Protein backbone atom coordinates (compact mmCIF):
# COMPACT_ATOMS: atom_id res chain seq x y z
CA UNK A 1 25.19 29.52 -19.62
CA UNK A 2 21.49 28.77 -19.03
CA UNK A 3 20.33 27.85 -15.60
CA UNK A 4 19.28 24.41 -16.77
CA UNK A 5 21.73 21.81 -17.89
CA UNK A 6 21.48 19.09 -20.55
CA UNK A 7 25.32 18.69 -20.87
CA UNK A 8 27.48 15.80 -20.44
CA UNK A 9 31.17 15.81 -19.55
CA UNK A 10 33.29 14.02 -22.11
CA UNK A 11 36.75 14.39 -21.09
CA UNK A 12 39.23 16.58 -18.85
CA UNK A 13 39.52 19.41 -21.33
CA UNK A 14 38.91 22.88 -19.82
CA UNK A 15 37.12 25.73 -21.54
CA UNK A 16 35.86 29.36 -20.73
CA UNK A 17 32.46 29.41 -19.88
CA UNK A 18 31.11 33.12 -19.79
CA UNK A 19 28.02 34.10 -17.73
CA UNK A 20 27.64 37.91 -18.01
CA UNK A 21 30.78 39.56 -17.12
CA UNK A 22 32.05 36.38 -15.19
CA UNK A 23 34.39 33.83 -16.63
CA UNK A 24 34.43 30.25 -15.46
CA UNK A 25 37.00 27.62 -16.35
CA UNK A 26 35.11 24.46 -16.63
CA UNK A 27 35.44 21.01 -18.06
CA UNK A 28 34.33 20.86 -21.68
CA UNK A 29 30.93 19.37 -22.25
CA UNK A 30 29.02 18.01 -25.22
CA UNK A 31 25.93 20.27 -25.99
CA UNK A 32 22.77 18.59 -27.50
CA UNK A 33 19.63 20.55 -28.48
CA UNK A 34 17.24 17.57 -27.62
CA UNK A 35 17.28 14.78 -25.20
CA UNK A 36 17.67 11.26 -26.59
CA UNK A 37 14.96 8.81 -25.71
CA UNK A 38 16.45 7.32 -22.42
CA UNK A 39 15.76 7.32 -18.73
CA UNK A 40 16.82 10.25 -16.77
CA UNK A 41 17.02 11.08 -13.20
CA UNK A 42 16.26 14.69 -12.13
CA UNK A 43 18.72 16.32 -9.71
CA UNK A 44 19.80 19.51 -8.52
CA UNK A 45 23.54 20.78 -8.05
CA UNK A 46 23.67 23.08 -5.02
CA UNK A 47 27.07 24.52 -5.75
CA UNK A 48 25.93 25.57 -9.27
CA UNK A 49 22.50 26.32 -8.26
CA UNK A 50 21.00 24.43 -11.19
CA UNK A 51 19.03 21.37 -12.11
CA UNK A 52 20.28 18.70 -14.24
CA UNK A 53 19.56 15.27 -15.58
CA UNK A 54 21.56 12.21 -14.97
CA UNK A 55 21.00 9.45 -17.51
CA UNK A 56 20.14 6.21 -15.97
CA UNK A 57 19.50 3.59 -18.65
CA UNK A 58 18.07 3.63 -22.48
CA UNK A 59 14.91 2.00 -21.21
CA UNK A 60 13.61 0.27 -18.36
CA UNK A 61 15.05 -3.15 -17.97
CA UNK A 62 12.57 -5.66 -16.72
CA UNK A 63 14.45 -8.97 -16.14
CA UNK A 64 11.50 -11.12 -15.39
CA UNK A 65 8.33 -12.27 -17.35
CA UNK A 66 5.81 -9.73 -17.84
CA UNK A 67 2.16 -10.94 -18.01
CA UNK A 68 -0.04 -9.12 -20.58
CA UNK A 69 -2.38 -8.07 -17.79
CA UNK A 70 -2.45 -4.38 -18.54
CA UNK A 71 -1.60 -4.59 -22.46
CA UNK A 72 -4.90 -2.94 -23.59
CA UNK A 73 -4.58 -0.15 -21.20
CA UNK A 74 -0.95 0.54 -22.22
CA UNK A 75 -1.90 0.56 -25.98
CA UNK A 76 -4.75 3.04 -25.22
CA UNK A 77 -2.26 5.51 -23.59
CA UNK A 78 -0.03 5.10 -26.57
CA UNK A 79 -2.80 5.59 -29.23
CA UNK A 80 -4.14 8.75 -27.20
CA UNK A 81 -0.76 10.22 -27.04
CA UNK A 82 -0.17 9.71 -30.79
CA UNK A 83 -3.52 11.19 -31.71
CA UNK A 84 -3.65 14.15 -29.52
CA UNK A 85 -1.36 17.19 -29.24
CA UNK A 86 -1.92 18.41 -25.55
CA UNK A 87 -0.37 17.39 -22.27
CA UNK A 88 -1.61 13.92 -21.06
CA UNK A 89 -1.92 12.85 -17.52
CA UNK A 90 -2.16 9.11 -16.27
CA UNK A 91 -2.83 8.14 -12.48
CA UNK A 92 -2.17 4.55 -11.52
CA UNK A 93 -3.34 4.06 -7.91
CA UNK A 94 -4.21 1.34 -5.50
CA UNK A 95 -2.74 -1.46 -3.05
CA UNK A 96 1.16 -1.61 -2.86
CA UNK A 97 2.64 -4.50 -4.95
CA UNK A 98 -0.36 -4.64 -7.65
CA UNK A 99 1.91 -3.86 -10.63
CA UNK A 100 1.42 0.04 -10.81
CA UNK A 101 5.13 0.79 -11.38
CA UNK A 102 5.58 -2.15 -13.64
CA UNK A 103 2.77 -0.91 -15.93
CA UNK A 104 4.08 2.66 -15.66
CA UNK A 105 7.61 1.51 -16.94
CA UNK A 106 5.94 -0.30 -19.79
CA UNK A 107 4.16 2.76 -20.76
CA UNK A 108 7.52 4.71 -20.71
CA UNK A 109 8.97 2.06 -23.07
CA UNK A 110 6.00 2.09 -25.29
CA UNK A 111 5.84 5.76 -25.73
CA UNK A 112 9.65 5.94 -26.73
CA UNK A 113 10.16 9.28 -25.13
CA UNK A 114 12.66 10.82 -22.84
CA UNK A 115 11.73 9.80 -19.38
CA UNK A 116 12.52 12.03 -16.49
CA UNK A 117 12.27 10.38 -12.98
CA UNK A 118 11.10 12.50 -10.10
CA UNK A 119 12.09 11.08 -6.69
CA UNK A 120 12.12 14.30 -4.63
CA UNK A 121 10.20 17.51 -4.24
CA UNK A 122 12.22 20.39 -5.76
CA UNK A 123 10.96 23.97 -5.52
CA UNK A 124 11.33 25.40 -9.10
CA UNK A 125 11.13 22.00 -10.94
CA UNK A 126 8.10 22.94 -12.81
CA UNK A 127 9.98 25.97 -14.38
CA UNK A 128 12.89 23.70 -15.31
CA UNK A 129 10.22 21.13 -17.03
CA UNK A 130 8.72 24.16 -18.75
CA UNK A 131 12.18 25.08 -20.33
CA UNK A 132 12.32 21.58 -21.99
CA UNK A 133 10.99 22.43 -25.51
CA UNK A 134 10.47 18.73 -26.59
CA UNK A 135 8.13 15.96 -25.58
CA UNK A 136 8.92 14.05 -22.68
CA UNK A 137 7.51 11.82 -19.86
CA UNK A 138 7.69 13.02 -16.30
CA UNK A 139 7.32 9.92 -14.20
CA UNK A 140 6.55 10.39 -10.41
CA UNK A 141 6.47 7.00 -8.71
CA UNK A 142 4.55 6.87 -5.21
CA UNK A 143 3.42 10.50 -5.91
CA UNK A 144 1.94 10.86 -2.40
CA UNK A 145 5.09 10.37 -0.69
CA UNK A 146 6.81 13.31 -2.61
CA UNK A 147 4.10 15.93 -2.80
CA UNK A 148 1.47 15.18 -0.35
CA UNK A 149 2.17 12.89 2.77
CA UNK A 150 3.10 14.85 5.81
CA UNK A 151 3.14 18.07 3.95
CA UNK A 152 1.04 21.04 4.69
CA UNK A 153 2.42 23.06 2.06
CA UNK A 154 1.11 22.16 -1.33
CA UNK A 155 3.30 24.48 -3.36
CA UNK A 156 5.12 21.96 -5.21
CA UNK A 157 1.97 20.12 -6.07
CA UNK A 158 0.35 23.43 -7.25
CA UNK A 159 3.37 24.14 -9.45
CA UNK A 160 2.91 20.73 -10.97
CA UNK A 161 -0.89 21.68 -11.63
CA UNK A 162 0.00 24.89 -13.60
CA UNK A 163 2.66 22.78 -15.70
CA UNK A 164 -0.10 20.21 -16.44
CA UNK A 165 -2.50 22.95 -17.55
CA UNK A 166 0.06 24.32 -19.83
CA UNK A 167 -0.16 27.77 -18.09
CA UNK A 168 3.57 28.28 -18.04
CA UNK A 169 3.67 27.91 -21.97
CA UNK A 170 6.04 25.48 -23.55
CA UNK A 171 6.76 24.14 -27.10
CA UNK A 172 7.15 20.48 -25.67
CA UNK A 173 4.26 18.36 -24.65
CA UNK A 174 4.35 16.51 -21.27
CA UNK A 175 3.06 13.14 -20.44
CA UNK A 176 2.54 13.01 -16.55
CA UNK A 177 2.81 9.53 -15.29
CA UNK A 178 1.83 9.36 -11.65
CA UNK A 179 1.47 6.33 -9.19
CA UNK A 180 0.17 6.20 -5.76
CA UNK A 181 -0.29 3.55 -3.09
CA UNK A 182 -3.58 5.21 -2.07
CA UNK A 183 -6.22 7.87 -3.39
CA UNK A 184 -4.14 10.64 -1.57
CA UNK A 185 -3.48 13.01 -4.50
CA UNK A 186 -4.29 16.72 -4.99
CA UNK A 187 -8.14 16.95 -5.07
CA UNK A 188 -7.46 19.55 -8.01
CA UNK A 189 -6.54 16.47 -10.20
CA UNK A 190 -9.67 14.71 -9.77
CA UNK A 191 -12.37 14.85 -12.40
CA UNK A 192 -10.24 17.07 -14.42
CA UNK A 193 -9.42 15.03 -17.57
CA UNK A 194 -7.34 17.94 -19.05
CA UNK A 195 -4.95 17.15 -16.07
CA UNK A 196 -5.32 13.53 -15.43
CA UNK A 197 -7.16 11.83 -18.32
CA UNK A 198 -6.67 8.19 -17.15
CA UNK A 199 -7.17 7.00 -13.26
CA UNK A 200 -6.74 3.52 -13.31
CA UNK A 201 -7.27 1.61 -9.83
CA UNK A 202 -5.31 -1.59 -8.90
CA UNK A 203 -6.35 -4.04 -6.32
CA UNK A 204 -6.52 -8.00 -6.22
CA UNK A 205 -5.82 -9.48 -9.26
CA UNK A 206 -8.97 -11.13 -11.31
CA UNK A 207 -9.36 -14.92 -11.50
CA UNK A 208 -8.29 -14.99 -15.10
CA UNK A 209 -4.96 -13.50 -14.14
CA UNK A 210 -4.36 -15.81 -11.22
CA UNK A 211 -4.97 -18.74 -13.65
CA UNK A 212 -2.67 -17.39 -16.15
CA UNK A 213 0.12 -17.01 -13.86
CA UNK A 214 -0.41 -20.47 -12.00
CA UNK A 215 -0.63 -22.31 -15.36
CA UNK A 216 2.68 -20.70 -16.42
CA UNK A 217 4.80 -21.55 -13.39
CA UNK A 218 3.24 -24.42 -11.51
CA UNK A 219 5.37 -27.51 -11.59
CA UNK A 220 3.04 -30.05 -9.84
CA UNK A 221 0.00 -29.58 -12.08
CA UNK A 222 -2.00 -32.11 -10.17
CA UNK A 223 -2.04 -29.31 -7.23
CA UNK A 224 -3.53 -26.75 -9.49
CA UNK A 225 -7.12 -26.56 -8.12
CA UNK A 226 -6.18 -26.40 -4.58
CA UNK A 227 -3.34 -23.67 -5.47
CA UNK A 228 -5.99 -21.32 -7.28
CA UNK A 229 -8.36 -22.22 -4.39
CA UNK A 230 -6.01 -21.13 -1.71
CA UNK A 231 -4.72 -17.90 -3.62
CA UNK A 232 -8.37 -16.89 -4.32
CA UNK A 233 -9.10 -16.62 -0.74
CA UNK A 234 -6.17 -14.39 0.43
CA UNK A 235 -6.80 -10.94 1.62
CA UNK A 236 -4.24 -9.55 -0.80
CA UNK A 237 -3.46 -11.06 -4.29
CA UNK A 238 -0.67 -9.80 -6.15
CA UNK A 239 1.65 -11.39 -8.89
CA UNK A 240 4.60 -11.45 -6.24
CA UNK A 241 2.13 -13.34 -3.74
CA UNK A 242 1.10 -15.71 -6.37
CA UNK A 243 4.60 -16.53 -7.48
CA UNK A 244 5.67 -16.96 -3.81
CA UNK A 245 2.85 -19.39 -3.13
CA UNK A 246 3.44 -21.35 -6.28
CA UNK A 247 7.32 -21.52 -5.60
CA UNK A 248 6.70 -22.89 -2.13
CA UNK A 249 4.38 -25.62 -3.74
CA UNK A 250 6.85 -26.41 -6.36
CA UNK A 251 9.78 -26.73 -3.97
CA UNK A 252 7.93 -28.90 -1.24
CA UNK A 253 5.35 -30.74 -3.63
CA UNK A 254 2.65 -30.14 -1.26
CA UNK A 255 -0.71 -28.40 -1.20
CA UNK A 256 -0.76 -24.82 0.22
CA UNK A 257 -3.00 -25.87 3.24
CA UNK A 258 0.16 -27.70 4.40
CA UNK A 259 2.05 -24.40 5.09
CA UNK A 260 -0.64 -21.97 5.36
CA UNK A 261 -0.40 -21.78 9.08
CA UNK A 262 3.04 -20.27 9.10
CA UNK A 263 3.13 -18.63 5.39
CA UNK A 264 3.31 -14.76 5.59
CA UNK A 265 -0.23 -14.10 4.15
CA UNK A 266 -3.63 -13.62 5.34
CA UNK A 267 -6.92 -15.19 4.17
CA UNK A 268 -9.85 -12.77 3.87
CA UNK A 269 -12.69 -12.99 6.24
CA UNK A 270 -15.64 -14.71 4.51
CA UNK A 271 -19.09 -13.93 5.85
CA UNK A 272 -22.94 -13.72 4.61
CA UNK A 273 -25.70 -11.14 4.73
CA UNK A 274 -28.86 -13.16 5.24
CA UNK A 275 -32.18 -12.13 3.89
CA UNK A 276 -35.68 -13.28 4.66
CA UNK A 277 -37.71 -13.50 1.55
CA UNK A 278 -41.55 -12.83 1.98
CA UNK A 279 -44.47 -14.40 -0.16
CA UNK A 280 -44.00 -11.63 -2.78
CA UNK A 281 -40.43 -12.57 -3.29
CA UNK A 282 -39.08 -9.22 -1.69
CA UNK A 283 -35.83 -9.67 0.32
CA UNK A 284 -35.41 -7.93 3.68
CA UNK A 285 -31.99 -8.00 5.47
CA UNK A 286 -32.19 -10.19 8.46
CA UNK A 287 -28.64 -10.77 9.58
CA UNK A 288 -25.29 -8.92 8.52
CA UNK A 289 -21.82 -10.20 8.44
CA UNK A 290 -22.49 -13.76 9.71
CA UNK A 291 -19.19 -15.63 9.74
CA UNK A 292 -18.67 -18.63 7.82
CA UNK A 293 -18.18 -21.79 10.12
CA UNK A 294 -19.23 -25.19 10.90
CA UNK A 295 -22.93 -24.11 10.69
CA UNK A 296 -22.50 -21.65 7.86
CA UNK A 297 -20.60 -23.48 5.20
CA UNK A 298 -18.54 -21.19 2.67
CA UNK A 299 -19.78 -23.26 -0.52
CA UNK A 300 -23.47 -23.05 0.50
CA UNK A 301 -25.80 -25.93 2.00
CA UNK A 302 -26.02 -29.56 0.52
CA UNK A 303 -28.57 -32.13 0.82
CA UNK A 304 -26.88 -33.48 3.79
CA UNK A 305 -28.13 -30.34 5.59
CA UNK A 306 -31.76 -31.12 5.12
CA UNK A 307 -33.17 -32.06 8.69
CA UNK A 308 -30.56 -30.12 10.47
CA UNK A 309 -30.83 -26.81 12.09
CA UNK A 310 -30.05 -23.53 10.60
CA UNK A 311 -28.04 -21.04 13.05
CA UNK A 312 -27.26 -17.37 12.82
CA UNK A 313 -25.74 -14.92 15.06
CA UNK A 314 -22.66 -17.09 15.30
CA UNK A 315 -24.84 -20.02 16.58
CA UNK A 316 -26.49 -17.93 19.16
CA UNK A 317 -29.79 -18.04 17.37
CA UNK A 318 -31.46 -21.18 16.03
CA UNK A 319 -33.80 -20.01 13.26
CA UNK A 320 -35.21 -23.43 12.59
CA UNK A 321 -34.84 -26.75 10.72
CA UNK A 322 -33.90 -26.73 7.05
CA UNK A 323 -36.34 -28.61 5.08
CA UNK A 324 -35.71 -27.73 1.41
CA UNK A 325 -32.79 -26.30 -0.79
CA UNK A 326 -33.61 -24.23 -3.76
CA UNK A 327 -29.98 -23.53 -4.32
CA UNK A 328 -26.80 -23.95 -2.01
CA UNK A 329 -27.60 -20.32 -0.85
CA UNK A 330 -31.39 -20.16 -0.90
CA UNK A 331 -33.03 -22.43 1.71
CA UNK A 332 -36.59 -23.20 3.19
CA UNK A 333 -36.49 -23.28 7.04
CA UNK A 334 -39.31 -24.54 9.49
CA UNK A 335 -39.12 -22.55 12.51
CA UNK A 336 -41.11 -24.81 14.63
CA UNK A 337 -39.26 -26.78 17.20
CA UNK A 338 -40.31 -30.17 18.58
CA UNK A 339 -38.05 -30.23 21.49
CA UNK A 340 -39.76 -27.54 23.56
CA UNK A 341 -36.89 -25.42 23.62
CA UNK A 342 -37.70 -22.15 21.86
CA UNK A 343 -34.43 -20.65 20.63
CA UNK A 344 -36.12 -17.59 19.11
CA UNK A 345 -35.95 -16.03 22.70
CA UNK A 346 -32.18 -16.06 22.24
CA UNK A 347 -32.30 -13.95 19.06
CA UNK A 348 -32.34 -10.67 20.76
CA UNK A 349 -32.67 -7.36 19.05
CA UNK A 350 -34.11 -8.37 15.65
CA UNK A 351 -37.71 -6.87 16.60
CA UNK A 352 -39.47 -9.94 15.11
CA UNK A 353 -39.93 -12.08 18.28
CA UNK A 354 -43.13 -11.72 20.17
CA UNK A 355 -43.20 -11.03 24.02
CA UNK A 356 -46.19 -13.29 24.38
CA UNK A 357 -45.17 -16.94 25.38
CA UNK A 358 -48.48 -18.32 23.93
CA UNK A 359 -47.57 -16.55 20.64
CA UNK A 360 -44.19 -17.88 20.69
CA UNK A 361 -45.65 -21.57 21.03
CA UNK A 362 -48.01 -21.07 17.98
CA UNK A 363 -47.23 -22.66 14.72
CA UNK A 364 -45.29 -20.27 12.23
CA UNK A 365 -44.92 -20.59 8.65
CA UNK A 366 -41.96 -21.97 6.84
CA UNK A 367 -39.37 -19.32 6.22
CA UNK A 368 -37.25 -18.65 3.15
CA UNK A 369 -33.57 -17.38 3.57
CA UNK A 370 -31.31 -16.24 0.82
CA UNK A 371 -27.48 -16.03 1.75
CA UNK A 372 -25.21 -13.50 -0.02
CA UNK A 373 -21.42 -13.23 0.72
CA UNK A 374 -20.40 -9.87 2.00
CA UNK A 375 -16.78 -9.82 0.93
CA UNK A 376 -15.34 -8.83 -2.37
CA UNK A 377 -15.40 -11.09 -5.47
CA UNK A 378 -11.68 -12.26 -5.01
CA UNK A 379 -13.07 -14.33 -2.17
CA UNK A 380 -15.87 -15.99 -4.19
CA UNK A 381 -13.42 -17.15 -6.83
CA UNK A 382 -13.84 -20.72 -5.57
CA UNK A 383 -17.72 -20.60 -6.36
CA UNK A 384 -16.94 -19.08 -9.84
CA UNK A 385 -14.06 -21.61 -10.51
CA UNK A 386 -16.29 -24.63 -9.69
CA UNK A 387 -19.24 -23.39 -11.53
CA UNK A 388 -21.25 -22.64 -8.46
CA UNK A 389 -23.95 -20.02 -8.79
CA UNK A 390 -23.64 -17.58 -5.90
CA UNK A 391 -25.22 -14.38 -6.76
CA UNK A 392 -23.79 -12.83 -3.48
CA UNK A 393 -20.39 -12.70 -4.95
CA UNK A 394 -21.14 -9.67 -7.25
CA UNK A 395 -19.66 -8.82 -10.47
C-alpha cells in the first residue's frame, strides 16, 4: 500500500492489505487513479502515518450575490492556465475582508480542477503533492498564518518553493493559489514569475464598485448620494461594510449621518498639503498634513470665502486674506493685515519670516496657494462623484 491515500471507504467489508511481509485486515476501499474535480481538505492520519484528502464539496458554494469586480482577472488566470504547461502561482494579498478569498474560490471553480485546501503546515506535504500525477489547485488561504507568522523555521515554505519550481519532478501541473492579509510572504516568491506569476493587491473598493453595490441593494434611492458620500470617506471600504451601511439605511430610512456616531466604522483623516506658487509657476511645499476643518473646507473654497482670512497650522498661522479663487483649491491671498496684528510672527519654524520688525511691516506681494489632499483617492471620491476637479486626489 502506498504511503499516500486516495481511497474512500464504501462499506464494512474487510480485506487483507499487504505491506511488505505484513498483512493488515482493513475496510475495503474504492480505489481511483485520478481525483475528481472537487474540493478536498489535506489531513494527516497519525495512526497510519500517512496523508489523505477528505472530500468537502463538489465546488465552492457562494450563497450570496457575486459582483463582477474581478471577472477580468479570473478570466486571465483561466486563459493563462489553458495556454501554458508549467506550474502557475497566484498571490492575492491586502486588507482583510476585501474579497481575496471570494476571488480565489471563483478561480478554483473556473479552472474545474481538483482543489486541495491546505489549512495547516505539514512536514512532508510537498512530497505528497509531488506524488499526485495530475493537474490540481493547491489553495492556501491566509498563507502567512500557516507558513510565516511566528515561525522562525521556514522549512515548510522552502519545501513549497521547491515544489513550485518543479525541482521534485511530477507529471501533473500545480496551480498554487495563495491569499495573504499582508505582504508577509517568503521573499523568494517575490519578483519570481516562475513561482508567482500574478500578485494582485486588494484594498479599498473603487468608486465604480461602490456605486454598483449601492445601486443594487439600496431601497431608499433618494438617499443614494449621501450613502455614497459617507462610504467614500471611510477608512476601510469593503463589500461587507458597504452592505452593512446600506442595510442600516434600508431598515431605518435615514441618512448615514444619523447613525455614524455609533456605527462601527471609522472615517479617514482628510488633510491637505499646501504649496506656495512662485511667479514662474513652480510649486514649493509650504505646509504638510493640514487637517480639514472650519477654516480648511474639504470641498475647497467658494466665493463666500473671498474677504476672509486663510489659516494654516490648525488656525495657529494666519497667512492673509483670500482675494481671489482660481479654483476651489487654488487661491490668491493678500498677506498684508490692516488690524495691526501681524500673525506671521506666530508662523514659527518655516524660515520665511523676517526677524526685522520693520521688514515685517512692509507691504508684501500677493501669494498664490495650491491645496492638494494628502489622503488616498478613496477619500476624494466626493470630489470626483460631484465633478469637482481636485488634482490633489491622485489617480
